[in-house]
Amino acid sequence: MNTVSVIYFLLSLVLLAERKGCNKVTTMEEEKPQLMPTKILKCRNADCKAWVREEFAVADQVCPLCKGPMIRSIKHLAKVQNKVKPKPRKPKSEF
């Protein structure tokens, strides 16, 4: 292949990539989720690293790893979008 044909080939690849949207440049700020202070329960044992979001914990939550007690704390985490199930509608006869 001569130099002209190599340049032509490379230009065609660049044009093809632009058509497919491969020229989008992402920045680190776009990829980072927004962090929010979130209430958590963490294991009281210093050697155990387990924690759970308070909104997903049950009453009297014990550590899922070491079965020890858990304490309240705050951690900066990405916001979770909870999917709320719609409540079943009452039949008209119950109104």
N, C-alpha and C. Protein backbone atom coordinates (compact mmCIF):
# COMPACT_ATOMS: atom_id res chain seq x y z
N MET A 1 0.85 -1.19 0.00
CA MET A 1 0.00 0.00 0.00
C MET A 1 0.88 1.24 0.00
N ASN A 2 0.49 2.20 -0.77
CA ASN A 2 1.26 3.44 -0.76
C ASN A 2 0.70 4.40 0.30
N THR A 3 1.39 5.48 0.53
CA THR A 3 1.05 6.44 1.59
C THR A 3 -0.31 7.07 1.37
N VAL A 4 -0.66 7.38 0.16
CA VAL A 4 -1.94 8.02 -0.14
C VAL A 4 -3.11 7.08 0.20
N SER A 5 -2.97 5.82 -0.15
CA SER A 5 -4.06 4.89 0.15
C SER A 5 -4.20 4.65 1.66
N VAL A 6 -3.10 4.68 2.40
CA VAL A 6 -3.16 4.53 3.86
C VAL A 6 -3.88 5.73 4.47
N ILE A 7 -3.55 6.93 4.02
CA ILE A 7 -4.20 8.14 4.52
C ILE A 7 -5.68 8.11 4.19
N TYR A 8 -6.04 7.71 2.99
CA TYR A 8 -7.44 7.62 2.58
C TYR A 8 -8.18 6.61 3.46
N PHE A 9 -7.55 5.49 3.75
CA PHE A 9 -8.16 4.47 4.60
C PHE A 9 -8.40 4.99 6.01
N LEU A 10 -7.40 5.69 6.57
CA LEU A 10 -7.55 6.23 7.92
C LEU A 10 -8.63 7.30 7.98
N LEU A 11 -8.71 8.15 6.98
CA LEU A 11 -9.76 9.17 6.95
C LEU A 11 -11.15 8.54 6.85
N SER A 12 -11.27 7.49 6.09
CA SER A 12 -12.57 6.83 5.98
C SER A 12 -12.97 6.20 7.32
N LEU A 13 -12.00 5.67 8.07
CA LEU A 13 -12.30 5.13 9.39
C LEU A 13 -12.77 6.22 10.35
N VAL A 14 -12.13 7.39 10.28
CA VAL A 14 -12.53 8.51 11.14
C VAL A 14 -13.94 8.96 10.80
N LEU A 15 -14.26 9.08 9.53
CA LEU A 15 -15.60 9.49 9.11
C LEU A 15 -16.65 8.46 9.53
N LEU A 16 -16.33 7.21 9.43
CA LEU A 16 -17.25 6.16 9.83
C LEU A 16 -17.49 6.21 11.35
N ALA A 17 -16.46 6.45 12.11
CA ALA A 17 -16.58 6.55 13.56
C ALA A 17 -17.44 7.75 13.95
N GLU A 18 -17.30 8.86 13.25
CA GLU A 18 -18.11 10.04 13.54
C GLU A 18 -19.58 9.78 13.25
N ARG A 19 -19.88 9.06 12.20
CA ARG A 19 -21.28 8.75 11.88
C ARG A 19 -21.91 7.87 12.95
N LYS A 20 -21.13 6.98 13.53
CA LYS A 20 -21.66 6.07 14.54
C LYS A 20 -21.66 6.69 15.94
N GLY A 21 -21.19 7.92 16.09
CA GLY A 21 -21.20 8.58 17.38
C GLY A 21 -20.04 8.20 18.27
N CYS A 22 -18.96 7.72 17.71
CA CYS A 22 -17.81 7.32 18.51
C CYS A 22 -16.92 8.50 18.89
N ASN A 23 -17.27 9.69 18.45
CA ASN A 23 -16.42 10.84 18.73
C ASN A 23 -16.84 11.55 20.01
N LYS A 24 -17.80 11.01 20.75
CA LYS A 24 -18.25 11.62 21.99
C LYS A 24 -17.17 11.47 23.05
N VAL A 25 -16.80 12.58 23.65
CA VAL A 25 -15.79 12.58 24.69
C VAL A 25 -16.52 12.75 26.02
N THR A 26 -16.26 11.83 26.94
CA THR A 26 -16.88 11.93 28.25
C THR A 26 -15.86 12.43 29.25
N THR A 27 -16.32 13.20 30.19
CA THR A 27 -15.44 13.71 31.23
C THR A 27 -15.69 12.94 32.51
N MET A 28 -14.80 13.08 33.44
CA MET A 28 -14.93 12.38 34.70
C MET A 28 -16.15 12.87 35.48
N GLU A 29 -16.51 14.17 35.32
CA GLU A 29 -17.65 14.71 36.04
C GLU A 29 -18.96 14.08 35.56
N GLU A 30 -19.05 13.74 34.29
CA GLU A 30 -20.27 13.15 33.75
C GLU A 30 -20.47 11.73 34.28
N GLU A 31 -19.40 11.02 34.54
CA GLU A 31 -19.48 9.63 34.95
C GLU A 31 -19.72 9.48 36.45
N LYS A 32 -19.37 10.49 37.25
CA LYS A 32 -19.51 10.38 38.69
C LYS A 32 -20.97 10.58 39.09
N PRO A 33 -21.52 9.67 39.90
CA PRO A 33 -22.87 9.91 40.41
C PRO A 33 -22.82 10.94 41.53
N GLN A 34 -23.92 11.64 41.74
CA GLN A 34 -23.98 12.62 42.80
C GLN A 34 -24.07 11.90 44.14
N LEU A 35 -23.18 12.24 45.08
CA LEU A 35 -23.15 11.58 46.37
C LEU A 35 -23.99 12.36 47.36
N MET A 36 -24.76 11.61 48.16
CA MET A 36 -25.64 12.21 49.15
C MET A 36 -25.32 11.58 50.51
N PRO A 37 -25.40 12.35 51.61
CA PRO A 37 -25.24 11.73 52.93
C PRO A 37 -26.41 10.78 53.16
N THR A 38 -26.10 9.53 53.44
CA THR A 38 -27.11 8.47 53.56
C THR A 38 -26.99 7.80 54.91
N LYS A 39 -28.12 7.60 55.56
CA LYS A 39 -28.12 6.90 56.85
C LYS A 39 -27.89 5.42 56.60
N ILE A 40 -26.95 4.85 57.36
CA ILE A 40 -26.63 3.43 57.23
C ILE A 40 -26.57 2.78 58.60
N LEU A 41 -26.56 1.48 58.60
CA LEU A 41 -26.25 0.69 59.79
C LEU A 41 -24.95 -0.04 59.48
N LYS A 42 -23.95 0.10 60.35
CA LYS A 42 -22.68 -0.59 60.13
C LYS A 42 -22.39 -1.48 61.32
N CYS A 43 -21.61 -2.49 61.07
CA CYS A 43 -21.28 -3.46 62.11
C CYS A 43 -20.43 -2.79 63.20
N ARG A 44 -20.74 -3.09 64.45
CA ARG A 44 -20.01 -2.51 65.57
C ARG A 44 -18.61 -3.11 65.68
N ASN A 45 -18.42 -4.33 65.20
CA ASN A 45 -17.12 -4.99 65.24
C ASN A 45 -16.15 -4.27 64.30
N ALA A 46 -15.02 -3.81 64.80
CA ALA A 46 -14.06 -3.05 64.00
C ALA A 46 -13.44 -3.89 62.88
N ASP A 47 -13.37 -5.20 63.06
CA ASP A 47 -12.78 -6.06 62.04
C ASP A 47 -13.74 -6.37 60.89
N CYS A 48 -15.01 -6.16 61.11
CA CYS A 48 -16.03 -6.47 60.10
C CYS A 48 -16.35 -5.19 59.31
N LYS A 49 -16.47 -5.30 58.01
CA LYS A 49 -16.71 -4.15 57.14
C LYS A 49 -18.14 -4.07 56.63
N ALA A 50 -19.05 -4.85 57.18
CA ALA A 50 -20.43 -4.91 56.67
C ALA A 50 -21.20 -3.65 57.03
N TRP A 51 -22.07 -3.22 56.11
CA TRP A 51 -23.00 -2.12 56.34
C TRP A 51 -24.20 -2.30 55.42
N VAL A 52 -25.30 -1.64 55.76
CA VAL A 52 -26.52 -1.70 54.97
C VAL A 52 -27.21 -0.34 55.06
N ARG A 53 -27.84 0.08 53.96
CA ARG A 53 -28.61 1.32 54.00
C ARG A 53 -29.75 1.16 54.99
N GLU A 54 -30.02 2.20 55.77
CA GLU A 54 -31.06 2.12 56.78
C GLU A 54 -32.43 1.86 56.15
N GLU A 55 -32.66 2.38 54.95
CA GLU A 55 -33.96 2.18 54.30
C GLU A 55 -34.18 0.74 53.86
N PHE A 56 -33.12 -0.05 53.75
CA PHE A 56 -33.25 -1.46 53.37
C PHE A 56 -33.10 -2.41 54.55
N ALA A 57 -32.85 -1.87 55.73
CA ALA A 57 -32.65 -2.70 56.91
C ALA A 57 -34.00 -3.09 57.52
N VAL A 58 -33.96 -4.16 58.27
CA VAL A 58 -35.15 -4.60 59.00
C VAL A 58 -34.99 -4.19 60.46
N ALA A 59 -36.09 -4.24 61.22
CA ALA A 59 -36.01 -3.95 62.64
C ALA A 59 -35.10 -4.98 63.30
N ASP A 60 -34.34 -4.55 64.28
CA ASP A 60 -33.38 -5.43 64.96
C ASP A 60 -32.40 -6.08 63.98
N GLN A 61 -31.87 -5.26 63.08
CA GLN A 61 -30.91 -5.73 62.07
C GLN A 61 -29.64 -6.21 62.75
N VAL A 62 -29.18 -7.40 62.40
CA VAL A 62 -27.89 -7.91 62.86
C VAL A 62 -26.95 -7.95 61.65
N CYS A 63 -25.67 -7.98 61.93
CA CYS A 63 -24.69 -8.00 60.85
C CYS A 63 -24.87 -9.26 60.01
N PRO A 64 -24.97 -9.11 58.69
CA PRO A 64 -25.15 -10.28 57.84
C PRO A 64 -23.91 -11.17 57.75
N LEU A 65 -22.76 -10.63 58.12
CA LEU A 65 -21.52 -11.41 58.03
C LEU A 65 -21.15 -12.09 59.35
N CYS A 66 -21.08 -11.29 60.43
CA CYS A 66 -20.61 -11.85 61.71
C CYS A 66 -21.73 -12.01 62.73
N LYS A 67 -22.94 -11.62 62.39
CA LYS A 67 -24.12 -11.73 63.27
C LYS A 67 -24.00 -10.88 64.53
N GLY A 68 -23.15 -9.87 64.51
CA GLY A 68 -22.99 -8.96 65.64
C GLY A 68 -23.97 -7.80 65.57
N PRO A 69 -23.95 -6.92 66.60
CA PRO A 69 -24.84 -5.77 66.61
C PRO A 69 -24.40 -4.72 65.59
N MET A 70 -25.36 -3.90 65.17
CA MET A 70 -25.07 -2.84 64.20
C MET A 70 -25.41 -1.50 64.82
N ILE A 71 -24.67 -0.45 64.39
CA ILE A 71 -24.90 0.90 64.90
C ILE A 71 -25.21 1.84 63.74
N ARG A 72 -25.89 2.94 64.05
CA ARG A 72 -26.23 3.93 63.03
C ARG A 72 -25.01 4.77 62.68
N SER A 73 -24.95 5.16 61.42
CA SER A 73 -23.87 6.00 60.94
C SER A 73 -24.32 6.69 59.66
N ILE A 74 -23.46 7.50 59.08
CA ILE A 74 -23.75 8.17 57.81
C ILE A 74 -22.61 7.91 56.86
N LYS A 75 -22.96 7.66 55.60
CA LYS A 75 -21.97 7.40 54.55
C LYS A 75 -22.41 8.18 53.32
N HIS A 76 -21.47 8.75 52.59
CA HIS A 76 -21.81 9.47 51.36
C HIS A 76 -21.88 8.46 50.21
N LEU A 77 -23.10 8.26 49.71
CA LEU A 77 -23.36 7.26 48.68
C LEU A 77 -24.16 7.87 47.54
N ALA A 78 -24.15 7.18 46.41
CA ALA A 78 -24.99 7.59 45.29
C ALA A 78 -26.45 7.36 45.65
N LYS A 79 -27.29 8.25 45.20
CA LYS A 79 -28.71 8.15 45.50
C LYS A 79 -29.31 6.95 44.78
N VAL A 80 -30.13 6.19 45.49
CA VAL A 80 -30.79 5.02 44.91
C VAL A 80 -32.22 5.41 44.57
N GLN A 81 -32.64 5.05 43.38
CA GLN A 81 -34.01 5.32 42.98
C GLN A 81 -34.85 4.11 43.33
N ASN A 82 -35.69 4.27 44.34
CA ASN A 82 -36.55 3.18 44.77
C ASN A 82 -37.73 3.06 43.83
N LYS A 83 -38.01 1.85 43.42
CA LYS A 83 -39.17 1.61 42.58
C LYS A 83 -40.35 1.30 43.49
N VAL A 84 -41.32 2.19 43.47
CA VAL A 84 -42.49 2.03 44.32
C VAL A 84 -43.54 1.24 43.56
N LYS A 85 -44.00 0.17 44.20
CA LYS A 85 -45.05 -0.62 43.58
C LYS A 85 -46.38 0.08 43.80
N PRO A 86 -47.19 0.21 42.76
CA PRO A 86 -48.48 0.87 42.94
C PRO A 86 -49.40 0.02 43.82
N LYS A 87 -50.16 0.71 44.67
CA LYS A 87 -51.10 0.00 45.54
C LYS A 87 -52.28 -0.47 44.71
N PRO A 88 -52.81 -1.64 45.02
CA PRO A 88 -53.97 -2.11 44.26
C PRO A 88 -55.17 -1.20 44.54
N ARG A 89 -55.92 -0.95 43.51
CA ARG A 89 -57.09 -0.09 43.62
C ARG A 89 -58.24 -0.84 44.28
N LYS A 90 -58.98 -0.10 45.08
CA LYS A 90 -60.16 -0.68 45.72
C LYS A 90 -61.29 -0.78 44.70
N PRO A 91 -62.06 -1.81 44.79
CA PRO A 91 -63.23 -1.89 43.91
C PRO A 91 -64.22 -0.77 44.26
N LYS A 92 -64.98 -0.34 43.29
CA LYS A 92 -65.92 0.76 43.50
C LYS A 92 -66.96 0.42 44.57
N SER A 93 -67.22 -0.83 44.77
CA SER A 93 -68.22 -1.22 45.75
C SER A 93 -67.78 -0.91 47.18
N GLU A 94 -66.48 -0.72 47.42
CA GLU A 94 -65.98 -0.44 48.76
C GLU A 94 -65.96 1.05 49.09
N PHE A 95 -66.29 1.93 48.14
CA PHE A 95 -66.30 3.37 48.40
C PHE A 95 -67.52 3.78 49.13
